[in-house]
Amino acid sequence: MTDLSAIARERAALATIADAIVAASVDKGLRIEVACPTSRLAVVDHLAQALHARGRVCRCRAAGSEPGEAGDPGVVVITGGPASDTDRGVFRVGVRVTGAPAQDGGDPDIVLDYQDPDGPIIRHLAPHLSARDRGA
């Protein structure tokens, strides 16, 4: 049986992540690549729901499901908002959920650790997602 405090902790962590992404992506399209083990795929849907609750309409799809896009096993993409042909107006965020393989292109912007028995912990939130570093 899942502990209700662990569920509350997960929701609080996802709310914090969604708040940071929404604040940092004002007036931009959104592309969030979530590297996630299959046992935690529901996290991607819960993050999309948290973004939607904050006014960011988005959708989830497997990486590589668009024509001409390279696939990446274990990566789900959340996209939303205006996009352009050049991607200059798209805010990109990399998220790694513990247990997922490392993403190509360096360290993720967010690391969500599910190894704590009390529920998930945000282990890393990149400075550009911090309200303090956005001048708030």
Protein backbone atom coordinates (compact mmCIF):
# COMPACT_ATOMS: atom_id res chain seq x y z
CA MET A 1 0.00 0.00 0.00
CA THR A 2 1.31 3.44 -0.90
CA ASP A 3 1.91 5.78 2.01
CA LEU A 4 -0.22 8.94 1.75
CA SER A 5 2.66 11.09 2.99
CA ALA A 6 4.81 9.82 0.10
CA ILE A 7 2.03 10.78 -2.35
CA ALA A 8 1.77 14.23 -0.76
CA ARG A 9 5.55 14.63 -0.98
CA GLU A 10 5.48 13.66 -4.67
CA ARG A 11 2.71 16.16 -5.41
CA ALA A 12 4.61 18.90 -3.55
CA ALA A 13 7.82 18.15 -5.47
CA LEU A 14 5.98 18.17 -8.82
CA ALA A 15 4.20 21.41 -7.88
CA THR A 16 7.57 23.03 -7.12
CA ILE A 17 8.97 21.82 -10.45
CA ALA A 18 5.89 22.96 -12.38
CA ASP A 19 5.97 26.39 -10.71
CA ALA A 20 9.65 26.83 -11.66
CA ILE A 21 9.10 25.75 -15.27
CA VAL A 22 6.02 27.94 -15.74
CA ALA A 23 7.74 31.01 -14.29
CA ALA A 24 10.84 30.50 -16.43
CA SER A 25 8.96 29.83 -19.68
CA VAL A 26 6.62 32.84 -19.87
CA ASP A 27 5.72 33.66 -23.51
CA LYS A 28 7.70 30.68 -24.84
CA GLY A 29 6.93 27.26 -26.18
CA LEU A 30 7.86 24.39 -23.92
CA ARG A 31 9.81 21.17 -24.43
CA ILE A 32 10.53 19.06 -21.37
CA GLU A 33 12.48 15.85 -21.89
CA VAL A 34 11.92 13.48 -18.99
CA ALA A 35 14.28 10.51 -18.67
CA CYS A 36 12.28 8.13 -16.55
CA PRO A 37 12.31 4.42 -15.75
CA THR A 38 9.20 2.61 -16.94
CA SER A 39 8.20 1.98 -13.33
CA ARG A 40 7.82 5.77 -12.86
CA LEU A 41 6.09 6.80 -16.11
CA ALA A 42 3.09 8.12 -14.17
CA VAL A 43 5.37 10.93 -12.96
CA VAL A 44 5.40 12.38 -16.48
CA ASP A 45 1.61 12.48 -16.60
CA HIS A 46 1.43 14.02 -13.12
CA LEU A 47 3.94 16.71 -14.15
CA ALA A 48 1.89 17.46 -17.28
CA GLN A 49 -1.22 17.76 -15.10
CA ALA A 50 0.59 20.14 -12.73
CA LEU A 51 1.68 22.28 -15.70
CA HIS A 52 -1.86 22.26 -17.08
CA ALA A 53 -3.23 23.36 -13.68
CA ARG A 54 -0.90 26.36 -13.95
CA GLY A 55 -2.23 27.33 -17.38
CA ARG A 56 0.30 25.52 -19.59
CA VAL A 57 -1.64 23.29 -21.96
CA CYS A 58 0.71 20.51 -23.00
CA ARG A 59 0.88 16.96 -24.25
CA CYS A 60 3.11 13.95 -23.61
CA ARG A 61 4.67 11.71 -26.22
CA ALA A 62 7.58 9.31 -26.54
CA ALA A 63 10.83 10.88 -27.73
CA GLY A 64 11.28 10.19 -31.43
CA SER A 65 7.56 9.94 -32.19
CA GLU A 66 7.60 13.02 -34.44
CA PRO A 67 8.79 12.67 -38.07
CA GLY A 68 12.51 13.39 -38.38
CA GLU A 69 13.10 13.29 -34.63
CA ALA A 70 15.64 10.89 -33.14
CA GLY A 71 14.24 8.51 -30.56
CA ASP A 72 15.67 8.03 -27.11
CA PRO A 73 14.54 4.99 -25.11
CA GLY A 74 13.21 5.89 -21.69
CA VAL A 75 12.54 9.52 -22.57
CA VAL A 76 9.08 11.09 -22.67
CA VAL A 77 8.63 14.60 -24.04
CA ILE A 78 6.12 17.14 -22.73
CA THR A 79 5.46 19.92 -25.23
CA GLY A 80 3.21 22.93 -25.15
CA GLY A 81 2.67 26.48 -26.23
CA PRO A 82 3.85 28.31 -29.30
CA ALA A 83 6.72 26.79 -31.25
CA SER A 84 8.64 28.12 -34.19
CA ASP A 85 10.59 26.52 -37.00
CA THR A 86 13.85 27.69 -35.42
CA ASP A 87 13.02 26.62 -31.84
CA ARG A 88 14.36 30.00 -30.63
CA GLY A 89 11.10 30.62 -28.80
CA VAL A 90 11.08 27.24 -27.05
CA PHE A 91 12.13 26.84 -23.43
CA ARG A 92 13.89 23.47 -23.01
CA VAL A 93 14.16 21.57 -19.76
CA GLY A 94 15.81 18.23 -19.07
CA VAL A 95 14.47 16.15 -16.18
CA ARG A 96 15.94 12.90 -14.90
CA VAL A 97 13.97 10.69 -12.55
CA THR A 98 16.28 8.44 -10.54
CA GLY A 99 16.81 5.07 -12.08
CA ALA A 100 16.71 6.52 -15.60
CA PRO A 101 19.75 6.54 -17.87
CA ALA A 102 21.66 9.80 -18.20
CA GLN A 103 20.43 12.04 -21.02
CA ASP A 104 22.60 12.99 -23.97
CA GLY A 105 23.77 16.59 -23.92
CA GLY A 106 24.99 16.89 -20.35
CA ASP A 107 23.49 17.18 -16.93
CA PRO A 108 19.72 17.54 -16.55
CA ASP A 109 18.16 20.77 -15.32
CA ILE A 110 16.14 18.86 -12.72
CA VAL A 111 16.84 15.60 -10.88
CA LEU A 112 13.91 14.02 -9.05
CA ASP A 113 15.07 11.28 -6.69
CA TYR A 114 12.65 8.48 -5.83
CA GLN A 115 15.14 6.47 -3.77
CA ASP A 116 14.19 8.07 -0.46
CA PRO A 117 11.71 5.81 1.40
CA ASP A 118 9.66 8.85 2.47
CA GLY A 119 8.94 9.89 -1.10
CA PRO A 120 10.65 11.84 -3.86
CA ILE A 121 13.13 14.65 -3.30
CA ILE A 122 14.28 17.30 -5.77
CA ARG A 123 18.04 16.67 -5.77
CA HIS A 124 18.86 19.34 -8.34
CA LEU A 125 17.07 22.39 -9.72
CA ALA A 126 19.20 24.37 -12.20
CA PRO A 127 19.90 27.99 -11.29
CA HIS A 128 18.03 29.31 -14.35
CA LEU A 129 14.87 27.74 -12.90
CA SER A 130 15.32 29.41 -9.53
CA ALA A 131 13.19 32.48 -8.80
CA ARG A 132 16.25 34.10 -7.23
CA ASP A 133 18.22 33.74 -10.50
CA ARG A 134 15.32 35.09 -12.61
CA GLY A 135 15.33 38.35 -10.69
CA ALA A 136 12.19 37.54 -8.67
